[in-house]
Structure formats: C-alpha cells, structure tokens
Amino acid sequence: MGIEEVDEQHHRFIDLIAKLERTVADGTIGKHVSDIFDELRAYIKHHFKTEEEHFIAFGCYSNAEAHTASHRAFEERIDKIRIQFLDDQNALTAELSRAMYDWLLNHIKHMDREYIECFKAHNL
C-alpha cells in the first residue's frame, strides 16, 4: 500500500497465515492453534486500533464507519470460529484458514486501499 506502518502490520498478518499453514503441514496444529489464535487476536487489536485512530485523527476517509464495522465483524468471526470448533481441530483449522485468506483477499487488498490517499495526505 506504500504506507510503512500499515504495510508492516499487514506483513505480520501474512506471517500468521504462513505460520498456520506450517503447523498444518507439519502436523503440529493441535499444539499451536491456541498460540495462533492468541497472536491473531493481538494482531487484530493492534492493527484495527492503528487504522481506526488514524480515521478519527485525519477525518478524511469517507468510508471509515463501514470500515470499522468490518473490523468488528472480523473480530466476531474469529471469536465464533474458536468457540464453534474447539473440539474439532481439522474443522477449526480449515475455517480459520478460510477466514484469514478471505480477510486478506477481500479486506486488505480492496477495502484498505480506500484510505491510502487520506493517510498519505497526512504524511504516513
């Protein structure tokens, strides 16, 4: 996106996807799924807070309300996945992977691009 702070955070999300894939591939998902969820929740909290604070401070992103609502919906989706599939590691892993890829492809690649001009106008 060309915004260093946001790009670094997005790379962290991609690292989490890769970590999930590695644990599935090496058969250790059962040992690491809780850690992955914890890391994902920490990422979500930090990254969403960063974006939302900029939306408020800059005031030039017209879709900020819908964007913030999509953040809350993703948080809820991740929480529901953790609860729904706690006893079924395979289903949990598949649904978590699907949710993360969906977020990457639909939110980060499209919706986040909407605020680039606003953020860059404020020297980010």
N, C-alpha and C. Protein backbone atom coordinates (compact mmCIF):
# COMPACT_ATOMS: atom_id res chain seq x y z
N MET A 1 0.82 -1.20 0.00
CA MET A 1 0.00 0.00 0.00
C MET A 1 0.86 1.26 0.00
N GLY A 2 2.12 1.10 0.35
CA GLY A 2 3.00 2.25 0.36
C GLY A 2 2.92 3.07 1.63
N ILE A 3 2.31 2.52 2.66
CA ILE A 3 2.24 3.19 3.96
C ILE A 3 2.97 2.27 4.94
N GLU A 4 4.20 2.65 5.30
CA GLU A 4 5.10 1.76 6.03
C GLU A 4 4.46 1.12 7.27
N GLU A 5 3.85 1.92 8.10
CA GLU A 5 3.25 1.41 9.34
C GLU A 5 2.21 0.32 9.05
N VAL A 6 1.35 0.58 8.10
CA VAL A 6 0.28 -0.35 7.75
C VAL A 6 0.85 -1.57 7.03
N ASP A 7 1.80 -1.34 6.13
CA ASP A 7 2.42 -2.45 5.40
C ASP A 7 3.09 -3.43 6.35
N GLU A 8 3.79 -2.92 7.34
CA GLU A 8 4.44 -3.79 8.33
C GLU A 8 3.40 -4.63 9.07
N GLN A 9 2.30 -4.03 9.43
CA GLN A 9 1.25 -4.76 10.13
C GLN A 9 0.61 -5.80 9.21
N HIS A 10 0.39 -5.46 7.96
CA HIS A 10 -0.16 -6.43 7.02
C HIS A 10 0.80 -7.60 6.81
N HIS A 11 2.09 -7.33 6.78
CA HIS A 11 3.07 -8.42 6.66
C HIS A 11 3.00 -9.35 7.88
N ARG A 12 2.73 -8.79 9.02
CA ARG A 12 2.57 -9.62 10.24
C ARG A 12 1.37 -10.56 10.08
N PHE A 13 0.30 -10.07 9.48
CA PHE A 13 -0.87 -10.91 9.24
C PHE A 13 -0.52 -12.04 8.27
N ILE A 14 0.21 -11.72 7.22
CA ILE A 14 0.64 -12.74 6.27
C ILE A 14 1.54 -13.75 6.95
N ASP A 15 2.40 -13.31 7.86
CA ASP A 15 3.24 -14.23 8.64
C ASP A 15 2.38 -15.19 9.46
N LEU A 16 1.28 -14.70 10.01
CA LEU A 16 0.38 -15.56 10.78
C LEU A 16 -0.28 -16.61 9.89
N ILE A 17 -0.65 -16.23 8.68
CA ILE A 17 -1.20 -17.20 7.73
C ILE A 17 -0.16 -18.28 7.44
N ALA A 18 1.07 -17.85 7.20
CA ALA A 18 2.15 -18.81 6.91
C ALA A 18 2.39 -19.73 8.10
N LYS A 19 2.33 -19.18 9.30
CA LYS A 19 2.52 -20.00 10.50
C LYS A 19 1.42 -21.05 10.61
N LEU A 20 0.19 -20.66 10.34
CA LEU A 20 -0.92 -21.60 10.35
C LEU A 20 -0.68 -22.71 9.33
N GLU A 21 -0.28 -22.34 8.14
CA GLU A 21 -0.01 -23.33 7.10
C GLU A 21 1.12 -24.28 7.49
N ARG A 22 2.17 -23.74 8.10
CA ARG A 22 3.31 -24.59 8.53
C ARG A 22 2.87 -25.60 9.58
N THR A 23 2.07 -25.14 10.53
CA THR A 23 1.65 -26.07 11.59
C THR A 23 0.72 -27.15 11.06
N VAL A 24 -0.06 -26.82 10.05
CA VAL A 24 -0.91 -27.82 9.42
C VAL A 24 -0.03 -28.82 8.67
N ALA A 25 0.92 -28.30 7.91
CA ALA A 25 1.79 -29.15 7.09
C ALA A 25 2.65 -30.09 7.94
N ASP A 26 3.13 -29.60 9.08
CA ASP A 26 3.99 -30.47 9.89
C ASP A 26 3.22 -31.24 10.97
N GLY A 27 1.90 -31.11 10.97
CA GLY A 27 1.07 -31.89 11.87
C GLY A 27 1.09 -31.45 13.32
N THR A 28 1.46 -30.20 13.56
CA THR A 28 1.53 -29.72 14.95
C THR A 28 0.45 -28.69 15.28
N ILE A 29 -0.59 -28.62 14.46
CA ILE A 29 -1.63 -27.62 14.69
C ILE A 29 -2.24 -27.75 16.07
N GLY A 30 -2.43 -28.98 16.54
CA GLY A 30 -3.02 -29.19 17.86
C GLY A 30 -2.22 -28.53 18.96
N LYS A 31 -0.91 -28.50 18.81
CA LYS A 31 -0.02 -27.90 19.81
C LYS A 31 0.00 -26.37 19.72
N HIS A 32 -0.27 -25.86 18.53
CA HIS A 32 -0.05 -24.43 18.30
C HIS A 32 -1.30 -23.61 18.02
N VAL A 33 -2.44 -24.25 17.89
CA VAL A 33 -3.64 -23.50 17.49
C VAL A 33 -4.01 -22.41 18.50
N SER A 34 -3.85 -22.69 19.76
CA SER A 34 -4.16 -21.68 20.77
C SER A 34 -3.23 -20.48 20.65
N ASP A 35 -1.95 -20.75 20.42
CA ASP A 35 -0.99 -19.66 20.24
C ASP A 35 -1.31 -18.83 19.00
N ILE A 36 -1.71 -19.51 17.93
CA ILE A 36 -2.04 -18.79 16.70
C ILE A 36 -3.25 -17.89 16.93
N PHE A 37 -4.27 -18.40 17.61
CA PHE A 37 -5.42 -17.56 17.93
C PHE A 37 -5.02 -16.38 18.79
N ASP A 38 -4.19 -16.61 19.80
CA ASP A 38 -3.75 -15.52 20.66
C ASP A 38 -2.98 -14.46 19.87
N GLU A 39 -2.10 -14.91 18.99
CA GLU A 39 -1.33 -13.97 18.16
C GLU A 39 -2.25 -13.21 17.21
N LEU A 40 -3.22 -13.92 16.65
CA LEU A 40 -4.16 -13.28 15.74
C LEU A 40 -4.99 -12.23 16.46
N ARG A 41 -5.47 -12.55 17.65
CA ARG A 41 -6.26 -11.57 18.42
C ARG A 41 -5.41 -10.35 18.77
N ALA A 42 -4.15 -10.56 19.14
CA ALA A 42 -3.26 -9.43 19.46
C ALA A 42 -3.03 -8.58 18.21
N TYR A 43 -2.83 -9.23 17.09
CA TYR A 43 -2.65 -8.52 15.82
C TYR A 43 -3.89 -7.68 15.52
N ILE A 44 -5.05 -8.33 15.59
CA ILE A 44 -6.31 -7.65 15.29
C ILE A 44 -6.47 -6.41 16.16
N LYS A 45 -6.25 -6.57 17.44
CA LYS A 45 -6.41 -5.46 18.37
C LYS A 45 -5.49 -4.30 18.00
N HIS A 46 -4.24 -4.61 17.75
CA HIS A 46 -3.25 -3.57 17.45
C HIS A 46 -3.51 -2.92 16.09
N HIS A 47 -3.69 -3.74 15.07
CA HIS A 47 -3.84 -3.21 13.72
C HIS A 47 -5.14 -2.40 13.56
N PHE A 48 -6.23 -2.94 14.05
CA PHE A 48 -7.50 -2.22 13.93
C PHE A 48 -7.45 -0.91 14.70
N LYS A 49 -6.83 -0.93 15.87
CA LYS A 49 -6.70 0.29 16.66
C LYS A 49 -5.90 1.34 15.88
N THR A 50 -4.82 0.90 15.25
CA THR A 50 -4.00 1.82 14.46
C THR A 50 -4.82 2.48 13.37
N GLU A 51 -5.49 1.66 12.56
CA GLU A 51 -6.29 2.22 11.47
C GLU A 51 -7.39 3.15 11.99
N GLU A 52 -8.12 2.69 12.97
CA GLU A 52 -9.26 3.46 13.47
C GLU A 52 -8.83 4.77 14.11
N GLU A 53 -7.70 4.79 14.79
CA GLU A 53 -7.21 6.05 15.35
C GLU A 53 -6.87 7.04 14.25
N HIS A 54 -6.30 6.54 13.16
CA HIS A 54 -5.99 7.41 12.03
C HIS A 54 -7.27 7.91 11.36
N PHE A 55 -8.27 7.07 11.25
CA PHE A 55 -9.54 7.51 10.67
C PHE A 55 -10.07 8.72 11.43
N ILE A 56 -10.03 8.63 12.74
CA ILE A 56 -10.56 9.71 13.59
C ILE A 56 -9.67 10.95 13.52
N ALA A 57 -8.36 10.73 13.67
CA ALA A 57 -7.43 11.86 13.69
C ALA A 57 -7.40 12.62 12.37
N PHE A 58 -7.45 11.89 11.26
CA PHE A 58 -7.33 12.53 9.96
C PHE A 58 -8.67 13.05 9.44
N GLY A 59 -9.74 12.34 9.72
CA GLY A 59 -11.07 12.77 9.33
C GLY A 59 -11.32 12.89 7.83
N CYS A 60 -10.50 12.27 7.02
CA CYS A 60 -10.65 12.44 5.57
C CYS A 60 -11.01 11.14 4.85
N TYR A 61 -11.31 10.10 5.61
CA TYR A 61 -11.67 8.82 4.99
C TYR A 61 -13.18 8.65 5.10
N SER A 62 -13.86 8.79 3.99
CA SER A 62 -15.32 8.83 3.99
C SER A 62 -15.98 7.49 4.34
N ASN A 63 -15.27 6.40 4.19
CA ASN A 63 -15.85 5.08 4.46
C ASN A 63 -15.41 4.52 5.82
N ALA A 64 -14.97 5.38 6.70
CA ALA A 64 -14.43 4.96 7.99
C ALA A 64 -15.44 4.15 8.82
N GLU A 65 -16.68 4.56 8.81
CA GLU A 65 -17.69 3.87 9.62
C GLU A 65 -17.89 2.42 9.14
N ALA A 66 -18.04 2.23 7.85
CA ALA A 66 -18.21 0.88 7.30
C ALA A 66 -16.95 0.06 7.49
N HIS A 67 -15.80 0.70 7.35
CA HIS A 67 -14.52 0.01 7.53
C HIS A 67 -14.39 -0.49 8.97
N THR A 68 -14.71 0.35 9.91
CA THR A 68 -14.67 -0.02 11.32
C THR A 68 -15.66 -1.14 11.61
N ALA A 69 -16.83 -1.08 11.01
CA ALA A 69 -17.82 -2.15 11.19
C ALA A 69 -17.29 -3.48 10.66
N SER A 70 -16.55 -3.43 9.55
CA SER A 70 -15.98 -4.67 9.02
C SER A 70 -14.93 -5.23 9.97
N HIS A 71 -14.22 -4.37 10.67
CA HIS A 71 -13.26 -4.82 11.68
C HIS A 71 -13.99 -5.60 12.78
N ARG A 72 -15.08 -5.01 13.29
CA ARG A 72 -15.84 -5.68 14.35
C ARG A 72 -16.38 -7.03 13.86
N ALA A 73 -16.84 -7.08 12.63
CA ALA A 73 -17.38 -8.33 12.08
C ALA A 73 -16.30 -9.39 11.99
N PHE A 74 -15.08 -9.00 11.62
CA PHE A 74 -13.99 -9.97 11.53
C PHE A 74 -13.62 -10.48 12.93
N GLU A 75 -13.56 -9.58 13.89
CA GLU A 75 -13.28 -9.99 15.27
C GLU A 75 -14.31 -11.02 15.74
N GLU A 76 -15.57 -10.73 15.48
CA GLU A 76 -16.63 -11.66 15.88
C GLU A 76 -16.50 -12.99 15.15
N ARG A 77 -16.15 -12.95 13.88
CA ARG A 77 -15.98 -14.20 13.10
C ARG A 77 -14.88 -15.06 13.70
N ILE A 78 -13.76 -14.45 14.04
CA ILE A 78 -12.64 -15.19 14.62
C ILE A 78 -13.03 -15.77 15.97
N ASP A 79 -13.71 -15.00 16.80
CA ASP A 79 -14.14 -15.49 18.11
C ASP A 79 -15.11 -16.66 17.96
N LYS A 80 -16.04 -16.56 17.02
CA LYS A 80 -17.01 -17.65 16.80
C LYS A 80 -16.32 -18.92 16.31
N ILE A 81 -15.34 -18.77 15.45
CA ILE A 81 -14.60 -19.93 14.95
C ILE A 81 -13.93 -20.66 16.11
N ARG A 82 -13.30 -19.90 16.97
CA ARG A 82 -12.60 -20.51 18.11
C ARG A 82 -13.57 -21.29 18.99
N ILE A 83 -14.73 -20.72 19.23
CA ILE A 83 -15.72 -21.37 20.09
C ILE A 83 -16.39 -22.55 19.39
N GLN A 84 -16.79 -22.37 18.15
CA GLN A 84 -17.53 -23.40 17.42
C GLN A 84 -16.73 -24.68 17.22
N PHE A 85 -15.45 -24.54 16.95
CA PHE A 85 -14.68 -25.69 16.52
C PHE A 85 -13.61 -26.12 17.52
N LEU A 86 -13.78 -25.73 18.75
CA LEU A 86 -12.78 -26.03 19.77
C LEU A 86 -12.49 -27.52 19.88
N ASP A 87 -13.49 -28.35 19.68
CA ASP A 87 -13.30 -29.80 19.81
C ASP A 87 -12.96 -30.49 18.50
N ASP A 88 -12.87 -29.76 17.41
CA ASP A 88 -12.59 -30.35 16.11
C ASP A 88 -11.47 -29.56 15.43
N GLN A 89 -10.23 -29.99 15.67
CA GLN A 89 -9.07 -29.26 15.17
C GLN A 89 -9.06 -29.11 13.65
N ASN A 90 -9.48 -30.14 12.93
CA ASN A 90 -9.47 -30.07 11.47
C ASN A 90 -10.45 -29.02 10.95
N ALA A 91 -11.67 -29.03 11.49
CA ALA A 91 -12.67 -28.05 11.08
C ALA A 91 -12.23 -26.65 11.50
N LEU A 92 -11.69 -26.53 12.69
CA LEU A 92 -11.23 -25.25 13.19
C LEU A 92 -10.14 -24.69 12.29
N THR A 93 -9.17 -25.51 11.94
CA THR A 93 -8.06 -25.07 11.11
C THR A 93 -8.55 -24.64 9.73
N ALA A 94 -9.43 -25.42 9.13
CA ALA A 94 -9.95 -25.10 7.81
C ALA A 94 -10.73 -23.79 7.84
N GLU A 95 -11.58 -23.62 8.84
CA GLU A 95 -12.40 -22.41 8.92
C GLU A 95 -11.53 -21.19 9.24
N LEU A 96 -10.55 -21.34 10.11
CA LEU A 96 -9.65 -20.23 10.44
C LEU A 96 -8.85 -19.82 9.20
N SER A 97 -8.34 -20.79 8.50
CA SER A 97 -7.59 -20.51 7.27
C SER A 97 -8.47 -19.79 6.25
N ARG A 98 -9.69 -20.25 6.08
CA ARG A 98 -10.63 -19.64 5.15
C ARG A 98 -10.91 -18.19 5.56
N ALA A 99 -11.11 -17.96 6.84
CA ALA A 99 -11.40 -16.60 7.33
C ALA A 99 -10.21 -15.67 7.10
N MET A 100 -9.02 -16.17 7.35
CA MET A 100 -7.83 -15.34 7.20
C MET A 100 -7.57 -15.01 5.73
N TYR A 101 -7.69 -16.00 4.86
CA TYR A 101 -7.49 -15.74 3.43
C TYR A 101 -8.57 -14.81 2.89
N ASP A 102 -9.80 -15.00 3.34
CA ASP A 102 -10.89 -14.12 2.92
C ASP A 102 -10.58 -12.68 3.32
N TRP A 103 -10.10 -12.49 4.53
CA TRP A 103 -9.76 -11.15 5.01
C TRP A 103 -8.64 -10.56 4.17
N LEU A 104 -7.62 -11.35 3.89
CA LEU A 104 -6.50 -10.88 3.10
C LEU A 104 -6.96 -10.46 1.70
N LEU A 105 -7.73 -11.32 1.06
CA LEU A 105 -8.12 -11.07 -0.33
C LEU A 105 -9.22 -10.03 -0.48
N ASN A 106 -10.13 -9.97 0.46
CA ASN A 106 -11.27 -9.06 0.31
C ASN A 106 -11.14 -7.76 1.09
N HIS A 107 -10.55 -7.82 2.23
CA HIS A 107 -10.46 -6.59 3.03
C HIS A 107 -9.15 -5.86 2.76
N ILE A 108 -8.04 -6.52 3.00
CA ILE A 108 -6.74 -5.85 2.88
C ILE A 108 -6.49 -5.40 1.44
N LYS A 109 -6.75 -6.28 0.49
CA LYS A 109 -6.45 -5.95 -0.91
C LYS A 109 -7.43 -4.95 -1.51
N HIS A 110 -8.60 -4.79 -0.93
CA HIS A 110 -9.59 -3.89 -1.52
C HIS A 110 -9.98 -2.75 -0.58
N MET A 111 -10.57 -3.07 0.54
CA MET A 111 -11.11 -2.03 1.42
C MET A 111 -10.00 -1.14 1.99
N ASP A 112 -8.87 -1.73 2.39
CA ASP A 112 -7.80 -0.91 2.95
C ASP A 112 -7.24 0.07 1.93
N ARG A 113 -7.31 -0.25 0.68
CA ARG A 113 -6.79 0.64 -0.37
C ARG A 113 -7.58 1.96 -0.44
N GLU A 114 -8.81 1.93 0.08
CA GLU A 114 -9.65 3.13 0.03
C GLU A 114 -9.08 4.29 0.84
N TYR A 115 -8.30 4.00 1.87
CA TYR A 115 -7.81 5.10 2.72
C TYR A 115 -6.39 5.54 2.39
N ILE A 116 -5.80 4.99 1.36
CA ILE A 116 -4.40 5.33 1.04
C ILE A 116 -4.21 6.83 0.86
N GLU A 117 -5.03 7.45 0.04
CA GLU A 117 -4.86 8.90 -0.22
C GLU A 117 -4.99 9.71 1.06
N CYS A 118 -5.96 9.36 1.88
CA CYS A 118 -6.18 10.06 3.14
C CYS A 118 -4.94 9.97 4.04
N PHE A 119 -4.44 8.73 4.21
CA PHE A 119 -3.29 8.54 5.09
C PHE A 119 -2.04 9.23 4.53
N LYS A 120 -1.84 9.12 3.24
CA LYS A 120 -0.65 9.75 2.64
C LYS A 120 -0.74 11.27 2.71
N ALA A 121 -1.94 11.81 2.65
CA ALA A 121 -2.13 13.25 2.79
C ALA A 121 -1.70 13.74 4.18
N HIS A 122 -1.62 12.79 5.11
CA HIS A 122 -1.19 13.12 6.48
C HIS A 122 0.19 12.56 6.77
N ASN A 123 0.97 12.44 5.72
CA ASN A 123 2.39 12.06 5.80
C ASN A 123 2.66 10.68 6.36
N LEU A 124 1.77 9.75 6.12
CA LEU A 124 2.06 8.35 6.51
C LEU A 124 2.61 7.62 5.32
